[in-house]
Amino acid sequence: MLQNGTNIPVLGSVHISFTVGGIPVSTTFLVSEAVDEPMLGLDWLTENQCIWNYGEGILRIGELQTKPRIAAVR
């Protein structure tokens, strides 16, 4: 269920390891035909000590600081 209360049909899940700026991270993604791009949940952001400065458009993941290309949050 999304934060706005919308239910999303889930087909399954997949655990993926990947890197962000050379830092290895992993998570379990839910798979759905209703979503066409990856979404990281609050649990992942908290677990990876993320800080998102919306005013400046900066996302910090642990020690890595990035500036998103698109100033949009979904």
C-alpha atoms as a PDB file:
ATOM      1  CA  MET A   1       0.000   0.000   0.000  1.00  0.00           C
ATOM      2  CA  LEU A   2       1.252   3.457  -0.879  1.00  0.00           C
ATOM      3  CA  GLN A   3       1.400   6.267   1.630  1.00  0.00           C
ATOM      4  CA  ASN A   4      -1.765   7.764   0.108  1.00  0.00           C
ATOM      5  CA  GLY A   5      -3.673   4.535   0.826  1.00  0.00           C
ATOM      6  CA  THR A   6      -3.624   3.188  -2.751  1.00  0.00           C
ATOM      7  CA  ASN A   7      -3.229  -0.597  -2.978  1.00  0.00           C
ATOM      8  CA  ILE A   8      -0.729  -1.907  -5.539  1.00  0.00           C
ATOM      9  CA  PRO A   9      -1.025  -5.501  -6.783  1.00  0.00           C
ATOM     10  CA  VAL A  10       2.241  -7.307  -6.008  1.00  0.00           C
ATOM     11  CA  LEU A  11       3.454 -10.143  -8.251  1.00  0.00           C
ATOM     12  CA  GLY A  12       6.372 -11.153  -6.035  1.00  0.00           C
ATOM     13  CA  SER A  13       9.662  -9.928  -4.631  1.00  0.00           C
ATOM     14  CA  VAL A  14      13.340  -9.969  -5.551  1.00  0.00           C
ATOM     15  CA  HIS A  15      16.446  -9.286  -3.427  1.00  0.00           C
ATOM     16  CA  ILE A  16      18.973  -7.152  -5.301  1.00  0.00           C
ATOM     17  CA  SER A  17      22.490  -6.036  -4.352  1.00  0.00           C
ATOM     18  CA  PHE A  18      23.718  -2.880  -6.094  1.00  0.00           C
ATOM     19  CA  THR A  19      26.098   0.018  -5.612  1.00  0.00           C
ATOM     20  CA  VAL A  20      25.385   3.698  -5.106  1.00  0.00           C
ATOM     21  CA  GLY A  21      28.445   5.817  -5.790  1.00  0.00           C
ATOM     22  CA  GLY A  22      30.645   2.765  -5.211  1.00  0.00           C
ATOM     23  CA  ILE A  23      28.994   1.917  -1.877  1.00  0.00           C
ATOM     24  CA  PRO A  24      27.482  -1.597  -1.835  1.00  0.00           C
ATOM     25  CA  VAL A  25      23.849  -1.729  -0.687  1.00  0.00           C
ATOM     26  CA  SER A  26      20.996  -4.189  -1.048  1.00  0.00           C
ATOM     27  CA  THR A  27      17.256  -4.393  -0.583  1.00  0.00           C
ATOM     28  CA  THR A  28      14.257  -6.539  -1.334  1.00  0.00           C
ATOM     29  CA  PHE A  29      12.070  -4.989  -4.021  1.00  0.00           C
ATOM     30  CA  LEU A  30       8.411  -5.816  -4.520  1.00  0.00           C
ATOM     31  CA  VAL A  31       7.507  -6.485  -8.164  1.00  0.00           C
ATOM     32  CA  SER A  32       4.335  -5.019  -9.676  1.00  0.00           C
ATOM     33  CA  GLU A  33       3.047  -4.243 -13.153  1.00  0.00           C
ATOM     34  CA  ALA A  34       1.582  -1.020 -11.708  1.00  0.00           C
ATOM     35  CA  VAL A  35       5.017   0.517 -11.020  1.00  0.00           C
ATOM     36  CA  ASP A  36       7.574   1.195 -13.767  1.00  0.00           C
ATOM     37  CA  GLU A  37      10.515   2.552 -11.760  1.00  0.00           C
ATOM     38  CA  PRO A  38      12.317   1.544  -8.554  1.00  0.00           C
ATOM     39  CA  MET A  39      11.098   3.064  -5.302  1.00  0.00           C
ATOM     40  CA  LEU A  40      13.083   2.982  -2.079  1.00  0.00           C
ATOM     41  CA  GLY A  41      10.886   2.947   1.011  1.00  0.00           C
ATOM     42  CA  LEU A  42      11.243   4.746   4.310  1.00  0.00           C
ATOM     43  CA  ASP A  43      12.582   1.539   5.870  1.00  0.00           C
ATOM     44  CA  TRP A  44      15.485   1.419   3.368  1.00  0.00           C
ATOM     45  CA  LEU A  45      16.198   5.143   3.693  1.00  0.00           C
ATOM     46  CA  THR A  46      16.298   4.817   7.496  1.00  0.00           C
ATOM     47  CA  GLU A  47      18.399   1.630   7.490  1.00  0.00           C
ATOM     48  CA  ASN A  48      20.974   3.288   5.207  1.00  0.00           C
ATOM     49  CA  GLN A  49      21.073   6.507   7.268  1.00  0.00           C
ATOM     50  CA  CYS A  50      19.793   8.633   4.393  1.00  0.00           C
ATOM     51  CA  ILE A  51      19.231  12.361   4.740  1.00  0.00           C
ATOM     52  CA  TRP A  52      17.230  14.124   2.033  1.00  0.00           C
ATOM     53  CA  ASN A  53      17.511  17.902   1.893  1.00  0.00           C
ATOM     54  CA  TYR A  54      14.511  18.759  -0.263  1.00  0.00           C
ATOM     55  CA  GLY A  55      15.309  22.489  -0.307  1.00  0.00           C
ATOM     56  CA  GLU A  56      18.701  21.903  -1.926  1.00  0.00           C
ATOM     57  CA  GLY A  57      17.783  18.706  -3.776  1.00  0.00           C
ATOM     58  CA  ILE A  58      20.573  16.755  -2.053  1.00  0.00           C
ATOM     59  CA  LEU A  59      20.363  13.126  -0.969  1.00  0.00           C
ATOM     60  CA  ARG A  60      22.962  11.739   1.436  1.00  0.00           C
ATOM     61  CA  ILE A  61      23.288   7.957   1.744  1.00  0.00           C
ATOM     62  CA  GLY A  62      25.677   7.289   4.614  1.00  0.00           C
ATOM     63  CA  GLU A  63      28.814   9.216   3.681  1.00  0.00           C
ATOM     64  CA  LEU A  64      27.874   9.592   0.002  1.00  0.00           C
ATOM     65  CA  GLN A  65      26.204  12.841  -1.039  1.00  0.00           C
ATOM     66  CA  THR A  66      24.435  13.094  -4.366  1.00  0.00           C
ATOM     67  CA  LYS A  67      22.407  15.722  -6.149  1.00  0.00           C
ATOM     68  CA  PRO A  68      19.403  14.254  -7.991  1.00  0.00           C
ATOM     69  CA  ARG A  69      19.132  15.139 -11.692  1.00  0.00           C
ATOM     70  CA  ILE A  70      15.385  15.668 -11.485  1.00  0.00           C
ATOM     71  CA  ALA A  71      14.021  17.804  -8.671  1.00  0.00           C
ATOM     72  CA  ALA A  72      10.939  15.644  -8.144  1.00  0.00           C
ATOM     73  CA  VAL A  73       9.806  13.361  -5.384  1.00  0.00           C
ATOM     74  CA  ARG A  74       7.101  10.746  -5.859  1.00  0.00           C
END
